[in-house]
Each structure stands twice: as C-alpha cells, then as structure tokens.
N, C-alpha and C. Protein backbone atom coordinates (compact mmCIF):
# COMPACT_ATOMS: atom_id res chain seq x y z
N MET A 1 0.83 -1.19 0.00
CA MET A 1 0.00 0.00 0.00
C MET A 1 0.87 1.25 0.00
N SER A 2 0.51 2.16 -0.83
CA SER A 2 1.28 3.39 -0.96
C SER A 2 0.84 4.45 0.05
N GLY A 3 -0.26 4.23 0.72
CA GLY A 3 -0.79 5.22 1.63
C GLY A 3 -1.67 6.23 0.94
N GLN A 4 -1.75 6.15 -0.41
CA GLN A 4 -2.61 7.05 -1.15
C GLN A 4 -4.03 6.52 -1.14
N LYS A 5 -4.97 7.41 -1.03
CA LYS A 5 -6.37 7.04 -1.04
C LYS A 5 -6.80 6.75 -2.47
N THR A 6 -7.48 5.63 -2.71
CA THR A 6 -8.01 5.30 -4.02
C THR A 6 -9.23 6.18 -4.29
N VAL A 7 -9.24 6.77 -5.46
CA VAL A 7 -10.33 7.68 -5.82
C VAL A 7 -11.23 7.00 -6.83
N THR A 8 -12.52 7.01 -6.56
CA THR A 8 -13.51 6.54 -7.53
C THR A 8 -14.18 7.78 -8.10
N PRO A 9 -14.01 8.01 -9.38
CA PRO A 9 -14.55 9.25 -9.95
C PRO A 9 -16.08 9.26 -9.94
N ASP A 10 -16.63 10.43 -9.61
CA ASP A 10 -18.07 10.63 -9.73
C ASP A 10 -18.33 12.11 -10.00
N ALA A 11 -19.51 12.40 -10.46
CA ALA A 11 -19.85 13.76 -10.85
C ALA A 11 -19.81 14.73 -9.67
N GLU A 12 -20.25 14.29 -8.51
CA GLU A 12 -20.27 15.17 -7.35
C GLU A 12 -18.86 15.60 -6.94
N GLY A 13 -17.91 14.65 -7.00
CA GLY A 13 -16.53 14.97 -6.68
C GLY A 13 -15.94 15.97 -7.66
N LEU A 14 -16.28 15.80 -8.94
CA LEU A 14 -15.79 16.75 -9.95
C LEU A 14 -16.34 18.14 -9.71
N VAL A 15 -17.62 18.23 -9.38
CA VAL A 15 -18.23 19.54 -9.11
C VAL A 15 -17.52 20.20 -7.95
N ALA A 16 -17.24 19.44 -6.88
CA ALA A 16 -16.54 20.01 -5.72
C ALA A 16 -15.15 20.51 -6.11
N SER A 17 -14.43 19.74 -6.92
CA SER A 17 -13.09 20.15 -7.35
C SER A 17 -13.13 21.38 -8.24
N ILE A 18 -14.11 21.43 -9.13
CA ILE A 18 -14.24 22.58 -10.03
C ILE A 18 -14.52 23.84 -9.22
N THR A 19 -15.46 23.71 -8.29
CA THR A 19 -15.86 24.85 -7.48
C THR A 19 -14.68 25.37 -6.66
N ALA A 20 -13.87 24.46 -6.12
CA ALA A 20 -12.72 24.86 -5.31
C ALA A 20 -11.66 25.56 -6.16
N ALA A 21 -11.54 25.16 -7.42
CA ALA A 21 -10.50 25.73 -8.29
C ALA A 21 -11.01 26.87 -9.16
N LYS A 22 -12.27 27.24 -9.06
CA LYS A 22 -12.90 28.20 -9.96
C LYS A 22 -12.25 29.57 -9.88
N THR A 23 -11.94 30.09 -11.05
CA THR A 23 -11.43 31.45 -11.19
C THR A 23 -12.30 32.15 -12.22
N ARG A 24 -11.98 33.39 -12.50
CA ARG A 24 -12.72 34.11 -13.55
C ARG A 24 -12.37 33.51 -14.90
N GLY A 25 -13.35 33.36 -15.75
CA GLY A 25 -13.11 32.80 -17.08
C GLY A 25 -12.94 31.29 -17.01
N LEU A 26 -12.40 30.74 -18.08
CA LEU A 26 -12.20 29.30 -18.15
C LEU A 26 -11.00 28.88 -17.31
N PRO A 27 -11.11 27.74 -16.62
CA PRO A 27 -9.96 27.25 -15.86
C PRO A 27 -8.81 26.88 -16.79
N PRO A 28 -7.58 26.93 -16.31
CA PRO A 28 -6.42 26.63 -17.15
C PRO A 28 -6.17 25.12 -17.28
N VAL A 29 -7.14 24.40 -17.87
CA VAL A 29 -7.01 22.94 -17.96
C VAL A 29 -5.78 22.51 -18.74
N HIS A 30 -5.29 23.36 -19.65
CA HIS A 30 -4.09 23.02 -20.41
C HIS A 30 -2.85 22.93 -19.51
N LEU A 31 -2.92 23.51 -18.32
CA LEU A 31 -1.80 23.46 -17.38
C LEU A 31 -1.92 22.30 -16.39
N TRP A 32 -3.08 21.69 -16.32
CA TRP A 32 -3.32 20.64 -15.34
C TRP A 32 -3.00 19.27 -15.94
N ASN A 33 -2.25 18.48 -15.23
CA ASN A 33 -1.92 17.14 -15.67
C ASN A 33 -2.00 16.16 -14.49
N PRO A 34 -3.19 16.03 -13.89
CA PRO A 34 -3.34 15.12 -12.75
C PRO A 34 -3.36 13.67 -13.22
N PRO A 35 -3.28 12.74 -12.29
CA PRO A 35 -3.32 11.33 -12.67
C PRO A 35 -4.71 10.94 -13.19
N PHE A 36 -4.72 9.98 -14.13
CA PHE A 36 -5.97 9.45 -14.66
C PHE A 36 -6.64 8.61 -13.58
N CYS A 37 -7.92 8.89 -13.32
CA CYS A 37 -8.65 8.21 -12.24
C CYS A 37 -9.67 7.20 -12.76
N GLY A 38 -9.76 7.02 -14.07
CA GLY A 38 -10.73 6.08 -14.63
C GLY A 38 -11.75 6.80 -15.48
N ASP A 39 -12.66 6.01 -16.02
CA ASP A 39 -13.72 6.56 -16.86
C ASP A 39 -14.96 6.83 -16.04
N LEU A 40 -15.66 7.87 -16.43
CA LEU A 40 -16.91 8.25 -15.79
C LEU A 40 -18.03 7.94 -16.77
N ASP A 41 -19.16 7.48 -16.28
CA ASP A 41 -20.30 7.17 -17.13
C ASP A 41 -20.98 8.48 -17.53
N MET A 42 -20.25 9.25 -18.35
CA MET A 42 -20.77 10.52 -18.85
C MET A 42 -20.55 10.54 -20.35
N ARG A 43 -21.58 11.04 -21.07
CA ARG A 43 -21.53 11.04 -22.53
C ARG A 43 -22.13 12.33 -23.05
N ILE A 44 -21.51 12.84 -24.12
CA ILE A 44 -22.05 14.00 -24.81
C ILE A 44 -22.57 13.50 -26.16
N ALA A 45 -23.88 13.61 -26.37
CA ALA A 45 -24.51 13.16 -27.61
C ALA A 45 -24.22 14.15 -28.73
N ARG A 46 -24.47 13.74 -29.96
CA ARG A 46 -24.20 14.58 -31.13
C ARG A 46 -24.96 15.90 -31.09
N ASP A 47 -26.13 15.90 -30.45
CA ASP A 47 -26.92 17.13 -30.38
C ASP A 47 -26.51 18.04 -29.23
N GLY A 48 -25.42 17.68 -28.50
CA GLY A 48 -24.93 18.51 -27.41
C GLY A 48 -25.50 18.16 -26.05
N THR A 49 -26.40 17.19 -25.97
CA THR A 49 -26.97 16.79 -24.69
C THR A 49 -25.93 16.00 -23.89
N TRP A 50 -25.75 16.39 -22.64
CA TRP A 50 -24.85 15.69 -21.74
C TRP A 50 -25.65 14.68 -20.92
N PHE A 51 -25.12 13.48 -20.81
CA PHE A 51 -25.76 12.41 -20.03
C PHE A 51 -24.83 11.97 -18.91
N TYR A 52 -25.39 11.71 -17.74
CA TYR A 52 -24.65 11.11 -16.64
C TYR A 52 -25.39 9.86 -16.21
N GLN A 53 -24.71 8.73 -16.27
CA GLN A 53 -25.29 7.43 -15.95
C GLN A 53 -26.58 7.19 -16.74
N GLY A 54 -26.56 7.57 -18.02
CA GLY A 54 -27.68 7.33 -18.92
C GLY A 54 -28.81 8.33 -18.85
N THR A 55 -28.73 9.28 -17.93
CA THR A 55 -29.80 10.27 -17.75
C THR A 55 -29.31 11.64 -18.21
N PRO A 56 -30.12 12.36 -18.99
CA PRO A 56 -29.70 13.70 -19.42
C PRO A 56 -29.48 14.62 -18.22
N ILE A 57 -28.44 15.42 -18.29
CA ILE A 57 -28.20 16.42 -17.26
C ILE A 57 -29.07 17.62 -17.60
N GLY A 58 -30.08 17.87 -16.80
CA GLY A 58 -31.08 18.89 -17.10
C GLY A 58 -30.74 20.29 -16.64
N ARG A 59 -29.66 20.45 -15.91
CA ARG A 59 -29.30 21.76 -15.39
C ARG A 59 -28.24 22.40 -16.30
N PRO A 60 -28.62 23.43 -17.08
CA PRO A 60 -27.66 24.07 -18.00
C PRO A 60 -26.41 24.57 -17.29
N GLY A 61 -26.55 25.07 -16.08
CA GLY A 61 -25.39 25.57 -15.34
C GLY A 61 -24.39 24.47 -15.04
N LEU A 62 -24.88 23.27 -14.75
CA LEU A 62 -24.00 22.14 -14.47
C LEU A 62 -23.30 21.68 -15.75
N VAL A 63 -24.03 21.66 -16.86
CA VAL A 63 -23.41 21.31 -18.15
C VAL A 63 -22.32 22.32 -18.49
N LYS A 64 -22.60 23.60 -18.29
CA LYS A 64 -21.61 24.64 -18.58
C LYS A 64 -20.39 24.48 -17.67
N LEU A 65 -20.62 24.14 -16.42
CA LEU A 65 -19.51 23.91 -15.48
C LEU A 65 -18.63 22.75 -15.95
N PHE A 66 -19.26 21.62 -16.31
CA PHE A 66 -18.48 20.48 -16.80
C PHE A 66 -17.75 20.83 -18.10
N SER A 67 -18.42 21.57 -18.98
CA SER A 67 -17.79 21.91 -20.26
C SER A 67 -16.54 22.78 -20.06
N SER A 68 -16.48 23.50 -18.95
CA SER A 68 -15.34 24.38 -18.71
C SER A 68 -14.07 23.60 -18.34
N ILE A 69 -14.21 22.33 -17.98
CA ILE A 69 -13.03 21.53 -17.62
C ILE A 69 -12.80 20.39 -18.60
N LEU A 70 -13.38 20.51 -19.78
CA LEU A 70 -13.23 19.50 -20.82
C LEU A 70 -11.89 19.68 -21.52
N LYS A 71 -11.24 18.56 -21.79
CA LYS A 71 -9.92 18.58 -22.43
C LYS A 71 -9.85 17.39 -23.39
N ARG A 72 -9.16 17.59 -24.50
CA ARG A 72 -8.96 16.51 -25.47
C ARG A 72 -7.47 16.20 -25.57
N GLU A 73 -7.14 14.93 -25.44
CA GLU A 73 -5.75 14.48 -25.56
C GLU A 73 -5.73 13.22 -26.40
N ASP A 74 -4.93 13.23 -27.46
CA ASP A 74 -4.79 12.05 -28.32
C ASP A 74 -6.13 11.51 -28.80
N GLY A 75 -7.05 12.42 -29.14
CA GLY A 75 -8.35 12.03 -29.66
C GLY A 75 -9.35 11.55 -28.62
N LYS A 76 -8.98 11.58 -27.34
CA LYS A 76 -9.89 11.16 -26.26
C LYS A 76 -10.26 12.37 -25.43
N TYR A 77 -11.44 12.29 -24.82
CA TYR A 77 -11.96 13.41 -24.04
C TYR A 77 -11.92 13.10 -22.55
N PHE A 78 -11.57 14.16 -21.78
CA PHE A 78 -11.45 14.03 -20.33
C PHE A 78 -12.04 15.26 -19.65
N LEU A 79 -12.55 15.05 -18.44
CA LEU A 79 -12.85 16.15 -17.55
C LEU A 79 -11.66 16.22 -16.60
N VAL A 80 -11.09 17.41 -16.44
CA VAL A 80 -9.85 17.56 -15.70
C VAL A 80 -10.01 18.62 -14.62
N THR A 81 -9.55 18.29 -13.43
CA THR A 81 -9.43 19.25 -12.33
C THR A 81 -7.96 19.24 -11.92
N PRO A 82 -7.56 20.09 -11.01
CA PRO A 82 -6.15 20.06 -10.59
C PRO A 82 -5.74 18.72 -9.97
N VAL A 83 -6.71 17.92 -9.48
CA VAL A 83 -6.35 16.69 -8.76
C VAL A 83 -6.82 15.40 -9.43
N GLU A 84 -7.68 15.47 -10.43
CA GLU A 84 -8.12 14.23 -11.07
C GLU A 84 -8.46 14.45 -12.54
N LYS A 85 -8.39 13.35 -13.29
CA LYS A 85 -8.70 13.36 -14.72
C LYS A 85 -9.51 12.10 -14.99
N VAL A 86 -10.72 12.30 -15.56
CA VAL A 86 -11.59 11.17 -15.85
C VAL A 86 -12.01 11.19 -17.32
N GLY A 87 -12.09 10.01 -17.90
CA GLY A 87 -12.49 9.90 -19.29
C GLY A 87 -14.00 9.95 -19.45
N ILE A 88 -14.44 10.59 -20.54
CA ILE A 88 -15.86 10.59 -20.88
C ILE A 88 -15.99 10.25 -22.36
N THR A 89 -17.21 9.99 -22.80
CA THR A 89 -17.49 9.64 -24.19
C THR A 89 -18.12 10.84 -24.90
N VAL A 90 -17.63 11.12 -26.09
CA VAL A 90 -18.20 12.18 -26.92
C VAL A 90 -18.58 11.55 -28.25
N ASP A 91 -19.87 11.59 -28.61
CA ASP A 91 -20.34 10.94 -29.83
C ASP A 91 -19.78 11.56 -31.10
N ASP A 92 -19.67 12.88 -31.13
CA ASP A 92 -19.18 13.57 -32.32
C ASP A 92 -18.27 14.71 -31.88
N ALA A 93 -18.81 15.90 -31.71
CA ALA A 93 -18.07 17.05 -31.19
C ALA A 93 -18.67 17.39 -29.83
N PRO A 94 -17.86 17.93 -28.92
CA PRO A 94 -18.40 18.19 -27.59
C PRO A 94 -19.36 19.37 -27.50
N PHE A 95 -19.30 20.26 -28.48
CA PHE A 95 -20.15 21.44 -28.44
C PHE A 95 -21.01 21.53 -29.70
N VAL A 96 -22.06 22.34 -29.62
CA VAL A 96 -22.91 22.62 -30.78
C VAL A 96 -22.95 24.14 -30.96
N ALA A 97 -22.54 24.59 -32.14
CA ALA A 97 -22.65 26.01 -32.48
C ALA A 97 -24.08 26.21 -32.96
N GLN A 98 -24.85 26.91 -32.17
CA GLN A 98 -26.27 27.01 -32.48
C GLN A 98 -26.68 28.36 -33.07
N ASP A 99 -25.71 29.25 -33.25
CA ASP A 99 -26.03 30.51 -33.90
C ASP A 99 -24.73 31.22 -34.27
N PHE A 100 -24.84 32.19 -35.17
CA PHE A 100 -23.69 33.03 -35.50
C PHE A 100 -24.20 34.38 -35.97
N GLU A 101 -23.31 35.36 -35.87
CA GLU A 101 -23.58 36.69 -36.39
C GLU A 101 -22.57 36.96 -37.50
N ALA A 102 -23.04 37.60 -38.56
CA ALA A 102 -22.16 37.97 -39.68
C ALA A 102 -22.09 39.49 -39.74
N ALA A 103 -20.87 39.99 -39.85
CA ALA A 103 -20.67 41.44 -40.01
C ALA A 103 -19.73 41.65 -41.19
N GLY A 104 -19.99 42.67 -41.97
CA GLY A 104 -19.14 42.96 -43.12
C GLY A 104 -19.51 42.10 -44.32
N GLN A 105 -18.72 42.26 -45.39
CA GLN A 105 -18.98 41.52 -46.63
C GLN A 105 -17.67 41.10 -47.27
N GLY A 106 -17.78 40.15 -48.19
CA GLY A 106 -16.61 39.68 -48.93
C GLY A 106 -15.54 39.14 -48.00
N ASP A 107 -14.26 39.38 -48.36
CA ASP A 107 -13.20 38.85 -47.51
C ASP A 107 -13.03 39.62 -46.20
N ALA A 108 -13.78 40.72 -46.03
CA ALA A 108 -13.79 41.46 -44.77
C ALA A 108 -14.90 40.98 -43.83
N GLN A 109 -15.67 39.99 -44.27
CA GLN A 109 -16.74 39.46 -43.44
C GLN A 109 -16.16 38.80 -42.18
N VAL A 110 -16.89 38.92 -41.07
CA VAL A 110 -16.49 38.29 -39.81
C VAL A 110 -17.69 37.50 -39.29
N LEU A 111 -17.47 36.21 -39.04
CA LEU A 111 -18.52 35.33 -38.52
C LEU A 111 -18.20 34.99 -37.06
N THR A 112 -19.12 35.32 -36.17
CA THR A 112 -18.94 35.07 -34.74
C THR A 112 -19.96 34.03 -34.30
N PHE A 113 -19.47 32.88 -33.87
CA PHE A 113 -20.32 31.75 -33.49
C PHE A 113 -20.50 31.69 -31.97
N SER A 114 -21.67 31.22 -31.55
CA SER A 114 -21.93 30.97 -30.12
C SER A 114 -22.43 29.54 -29.97
N THR A 115 -22.02 28.92 -28.86
CA THR A 115 -22.38 27.53 -28.61
C THR A 115 -23.47 27.41 -27.55
N HIS A 116 -23.94 26.19 -27.39
CA HIS A 116 -24.99 25.91 -26.40
C HIS A 116 -24.48 26.04 -24.96
N VAL A 117 -23.16 26.16 -24.77
CA VAL A 117 -22.61 26.36 -23.42
C VAL A 117 -21.98 27.75 -23.29
N ASP A 118 -22.41 28.66 -24.17
CA ASP A 118 -22.03 30.08 -24.12
C ASP A 118 -20.59 30.38 -24.48
N ASP A 119 -19.91 29.48 -25.18
CA ASP A 119 -18.60 29.81 -25.74
C ASP A 119 -18.84 30.66 -26.98
N VAL A 120 -17.91 31.55 -27.27
CA VAL A 120 -17.98 32.40 -28.46
C VAL A 120 -16.65 32.28 -29.19
N ALA A 121 -16.72 32.12 -30.51
CA ALA A 121 -15.50 32.02 -31.32
C ALA A 121 -15.71 32.76 -32.63
N VAL A 122 -14.72 33.57 -33.00
CA VAL A 122 -14.74 34.28 -34.28
C VAL A 122 -13.99 33.41 -35.28
N ALA A 123 -14.70 32.96 -36.32
CA ALA A 123 -14.08 32.12 -37.33
C ALA A 123 -12.93 32.87 -37.99
N GLY A 124 -11.81 32.18 -38.13
CA GLY A 124 -10.62 32.76 -38.72
C GLY A 124 -9.47 31.78 -38.56
N PRO A 125 -8.24 32.23 -38.72
CA PRO A 125 -7.10 31.33 -38.63
C PRO A 125 -7.01 30.56 -37.30
N GLU A 126 -7.39 31.20 -36.19
CA GLU A 126 -7.32 30.53 -34.89
C GLU A 126 -8.55 29.69 -34.59
N HIS A 127 -9.63 29.93 -35.30
CA HIS A 127 -10.88 29.19 -35.12
C HIS A 127 -11.42 28.79 -36.49
N PRO A 128 -10.74 27.83 -37.14
CA PRO A 128 -11.15 27.46 -38.50
C PRO A 128 -12.47 26.70 -38.55
N ILE A 129 -13.13 26.84 -39.69
CA ILE A 129 -14.33 26.06 -40.01
C ILE A 129 -13.87 24.93 -40.92
N ARG A 130 -14.38 23.74 -40.68
CA ARG A 130 -14.10 22.63 -41.59
C ARG A 130 -15.41 21.88 -41.83
N VAL A 131 -15.49 21.27 -43.00
CA VAL A 131 -16.68 20.50 -43.36
C VAL A 131 -16.23 19.10 -43.76
N VAL A 132 -16.82 18.11 -43.10
CA VAL A 132 -16.54 16.70 -43.40
C VAL A 132 -17.78 16.15 -44.11
N ARG A 133 -17.56 15.50 -45.23
CA ARG A 133 -18.70 14.94 -45.97
C ARG A 133 -18.72 13.42 -45.79
N ASP A 134 -19.91 12.90 -45.52
CA ASP A 134 -20.09 11.46 -45.37
C ASP A 134 -19.73 10.81 -46.71
N PRO A 135 -18.83 9.81 -46.69
CA PRO A 135 -18.40 9.21 -47.96
C PRO A 135 -19.51 8.48 -48.71
N ASP A 136 -20.52 8.02 -48.01
CA ASP A 136 -21.61 7.29 -48.66
C ASP A 136 -22.73 8.21 -49.15
N THR A 137 -23.12 9.17 -48.30
CA THR A 137 -24.27 10.01 -48.64
C THR A 137 -23.87 11.40 -49.16
N GLY A 138 -22.65 11.82 -48.87
CA GLY A 138 -22.22 13.16 -49.25
C GLY A 138 -22.72 14.24 -48.31
N GLU A 139 -23.48 13.83 -47.27
CA GLU A 139 -24.03 14.80 -46.32
C GLU A 139 -22.91 15.51 -45.56
N PRO A 140 -22.97 16.84 -45.49
CA PRO A 140 -21.91 17.58 -44.81
C PRO A 140 -22.12 17.63 -43.30
N SER A 141 -21.02 17.61 -42.58
CA SER A 141 -20.99 17.88 -41.14
C SER A 141 -20.00 19.02 -40.94
N PRO A 142 -20.51 20.24 -40.66
CA PRO A 142 -19.62 21.39 -40.50
C PRO A 142 -19.22 21.59 -39.03
N TYR A 143 -17.97 22.00 -38.83
CA TYR A 143 -17.44 22.21 -37.48
C TYR A 143 -16.68 23.52 -37.42
N ILE A 144 -16.58 24.07 -36.21
CA ILE A 144 -15.69 25.20 -35.96
C ILE A 144 -14.90 24.89 -34.70
N LEU A 145 -13.62 25.19 -34.73
CA LEU A 145 -12.77 25.02 -33.55
C LEU A 145 -13.13 26.09 -32.53
N ILE A 146 -13.47 25.66 -31.33
CA ILE A 146 -13.89 26.59 -30.29
C ILE A 146 -12.73 26.95 -29.38
N ARG A 147 -12.06 25.93 -28.84
CA ARG A 147 -10.90 26.18 -27.97
C ARG A 147 -10.10 24.91 -27.79
N SER A 148 -8.81 25.04 -27.73
CA SER A 148 -7.88 23.96 -27.37
C SER A 148 -8.28 22.58 -27.90
N ASP A 149 -8.35 22.42 -29.21
CA ASP A 149 -8.65 21.14 -29.83
C ASP A 149 -10.08 20.65 -29.55
N LEU A 150 -10.98 21.55 -29.20
CA LEU A 150 -12.38 21.21 -28.96
C LEU A 150 -13.24 21.93 -30.00
N GLU A 151 -14.00 21.14 -30.74
CA GLU A 151 -14.82 21.69 -31.82
C GLU A 151 -16.30 21.71 -31.45
N ALA A 152 -17.03 22.51 -32.22
CA ALA A 152 -18.49 22.53 -32.14
C ALA A 152 -19.04 22.11 -33.50
N LEU A 153 -20.02 21.24 -33.48
CA LEU A 153 -20.77 20.91 -34.68
C LEU A 153 -21.68 22.11 -34.95
N ILE A 154 -21.63 22.65 -36.16
CA ILE A 154 -22.48 23.77 -36.52
C ILE A 154 -23.86 23.21 -36.84
N ASP A 155 -24.89 23.68 -36.11
CA ASP A 155 -26.22 23.10 -36.29
C ASP A 155 -26.77 23.40 -37.69
N ARG A 156 -27.80 22.66 -38.06
CA ARG A 156 -28.33 22.68 -39.42
C ARG A 156 -28.78 24.08 -39.86
N LYS A 157 -29.56 24.77 -39.02
CA LYS A 157 -30.07 26.09 -39.41
C LYS A 157 -28.92 27.07 -39.63
N SER A 158 -27.89 26.99 -38.78
CA SER A 158 -26.74 27.88 -38.95
C SER A 158 -25.95 27.52 -40.21
N PHE A 159 -25.86 26.23 -40.51
CA PHE A 159 -25.15 25.82 -41.72
C PHE A 159 -25.89 26.32 -42.96
N TYR A 160 -27.22 26.24 -42.97
CA TYR A 160 -27.99 26.77 -44.10
C TYR A 160 -27.75 28.27 -44.27
N ARG A 161 -27.66 28.98 -43.14
CA ARG A 161 -27.38 30.42 -43.21
C ARG A 161 -25.98 30.67 -43.76
N LEU A 162 -25.02 29.81 -43.38
CA LEU A 162 -23.66 29.92 -43.94
C LEU A 162 -23.68 29.75 -45.45
N VAL A 163 -24.42 28.74 -45.91
CA VAL A 163 -24.52 28.48 -47.34
C VAL A 163 -25.10 29.70 -48.06
N ASP A 164 -26.07 30.35 -47.44
CA ASP A 164 -26.65 31.57 -48.04
C ASP A 164 -25.60 32.67 -48.20
N LEU A 165 -24.58 32.67 -47.35
CA LEU A 165 -23.52 33.68 -47.43
C LEU A 165 -22.38 33.24 -48.34
N GLY A 166 -22.46 32.01 -48.85
CA GLY A 166 -21.36 31.43 -49.61
C GLY A 166 -21.06 32.11 -50.93
N VAL A 167 -19.79 32.01 -51.31
CA VAL A 167 -19.29 32.56 -52.58
C VAL A 167 -18.30 31.55 -53.17
N HIS A 168 -17.99 31.74 -54.43
CA HIS A 168 -17.00 30.90 -55.09
C HIS A 168 -15.63 31.57 -55.02
N HIS A 169 -14.61 30.77 -54.72
CA HIS A 169 -13.24 31.29 -54.63
C HIS A 169 -12.26 30.15 -54.90
N ASP A 170 -11.39 30.34 -55.87
CA ASP A 170 -10.35 29.35 -56.20
C ASP A 170 -10.90 27.93 -56.35
N GLY A 171 -12.03 27.80 -57.05
CA GLY A 171 -12.58 26.48 -57.32
C GLY A 171 -13.41 25.88 -56.20
N TRP A 172 -13.66 26.66 -55.17
CA TRP A 172 -14.46 26.17 -54.03
C TRP A 172 -15.63 27.12 -53.78
N PHE A 173 -16.70 26.55 -53.25
CA PHE A 173 -17.82 27.32 -52.72
C PHE A 173 -17.65 27.30 -51.21
N GLY A 174 -17.66 28.47 -50.58
CA GLY A 174 -17.48 28.54 -49.13
C GLY A 174 -17.76 29.92 -48.60
N VAL A 175 -17.22 30.19 -47.43
CA VAL A 175 -17.46 31.48 -46.77
C VAL A 175 -16.15 32.11 -46.33
N TRP A 176 -16.18 33.44 -46.26
CA TRP A 176 -15.07 34.21 -45.73
C TRP A 176 -15.34 34.57 -44.28
N SER A 177 -14.29 34.61 -43.48
CA SER A 177 -14.36 35.18 -42.14
C SER A 177 -12.96 35.58 -41.71
N SER A 178 -12.83 36.78 -41.23
CA SER A 178 -11.56 37.31 -40.73
C SER A 178 -10.43 37.18 -41.75
N GLY A 179 -10.75 37.39 -43.03
CA GLY A 179 -9.75 37.34 -44.08
C GLY A 179 -9.35 35.95 -44.53
N THR A 180 -10.02 34.92 -44.03
CA THR A 180 -9.73 33.54 -44.38
C THR A 180 -10.92 32.93 -45.09
N PHE A 181 -10.65 32.19 -46.17
CA PHE A 181 -11.72 31.52 -46.90
C PHE A 181 -11.82 30.08 -46.42
N PHE A 182 -13.03 29.64 -46.13
CA PHE A 182 -13.28 28.27 -45.68
C PHE A 182 -14.15 27.57 -46.72
N GLY A 183 -13.55 26.60 -47.41
CA GLY A 183 -14.27 25.86 -48.43
C GLY A 183 -15.29 24.92 -47.84
N ILE A 184 -16.45 24.88 -48.47
CA ILE A 184 -17.51 23.96 -48.05
C ILE A 184 -17.59 22.78 -49.01
N ILE A 185 -17.54 23.09 -50.32
CA ILE A 185 -17.66 22.04 -51.35
C ILE A 185 -16.98 22.54 -52.62
N PRO A 186 -16.33 21.67 -53.36
CA PRO A 186 -15.76 22.12 -54.63
C PRO A 186 -16.86 22.70 -55.54
N SER A 187 -16.55 23.81 -56.17
CA SER A 187 -17.54 24.50 -57.02
C SER A 187 -18.10 23.58 -58.10
N ASP A 188 -17.26 22.72 -58.68
CA ASP A 188 -17.74 21.87 -59.77
C ASP A 188 -18.66 20.73 -59.31
N GLU A 189 -18.84 20.58 -58.00
CA GLU A 189 -19.77 19.57 -57.48
C GLU A 189 -21.15 20.15 -57.21
N LEU A 190 -21.30 21.45 -57.41
CA LEU A 190 -22.61 22.08 -57.21
C LEU A 190 -23.42 21.94 -58.51
N PRO A 191 -24.75 21.79 -58.37
CA PRO A 191 -25.57 21.70 -59.58
C PRO A 191 -25.60 23.01 -60.35
C-alpha cells in the first residue's frame, strides 16, 4: 500500500473540485496534468446533450460547469481538475454552435459563433471552419474550432445560413471570415 487514497470518480466529486479551483473565465485545464482516475459514465450526444449514468443532465449551469473543464488528448476526451482526470465519451463534437452573427462583406466578413454552453468564437485562422462529408451520402458535417482542440458541430439552421452567405473562390464554394476563406464544397460539385 502506498498510503494514497483510491479515488472513484463521480460527478459530485468533480463539481466540488471545479468549485474549489474556480477562477474568472475558463480554468487553465491546459496546465493541469493530474493522474488518470478512470472513466466516468458521462456522454455528450451529437446534439450537445450531456448524459450522466444514462440520464440527461437537465441543469444548464451544471453542463456549462463540466464543459469548462473538458480537455482533449490524443483524440480522447477528459474532464480535468487540478487533482483528477476522468475519461468521458463524446459521440461527435463536444459542443454545438447554435447561432452566428455575420458582419461585413466579402473577404472582410467576420462570422462570430456561439455555442450551447455560451462559448464564443470568431471564425478565422485561430478558429477554422471545416466541413466533413459522409463518404456514402455526401451529407456535410460542418465544425468550428472553439478552444484547445475542442470543436463545435455547426447546427443545421446555422449551416444553411452559412450556405446563403457562400461565394466561389479558387474552385471552391465557401465562406469568408476574418480574411480567411473556408471551403464547403468544390464548385464543380454544385448543380
């Protein structure tokens, strides 16, 4: 025996750790490297719904709190506090971009996205938009990088609005934001 107490991860313990370490803004999870304590029965569905032990977490404030300590390492997702790190399951992207504002036009256009957990990201070199197309159906799945290797799936209504703003550039149909062009689909694949 090492004399160390064995920790069994649970949501209540994470909330206590988050609350104790809470500062203004997002916690510095990129600086925290605690020991891995195991997997937690927590899942983020493709629509952004968070589940704990198979039940949706109905308190938006609690979801926002958990989202503030989310970290991605080597393609896996973890909730991290200064003292523990637990694995969770993410079906697609951990966040959903459910709206955006467009200002300006052409290559001076700026697109500002907001997520279901109140993150805000201005699309550009630091927050790129990417579109993945299903190889069988061709259906697009658009994403924007929100923070530290964590993306948001752009919801359908917002994606349709993006398409309405689309232009052709260098053989691609896409959108401009912050001086960067983000291709959605090759121009020659449009009807």
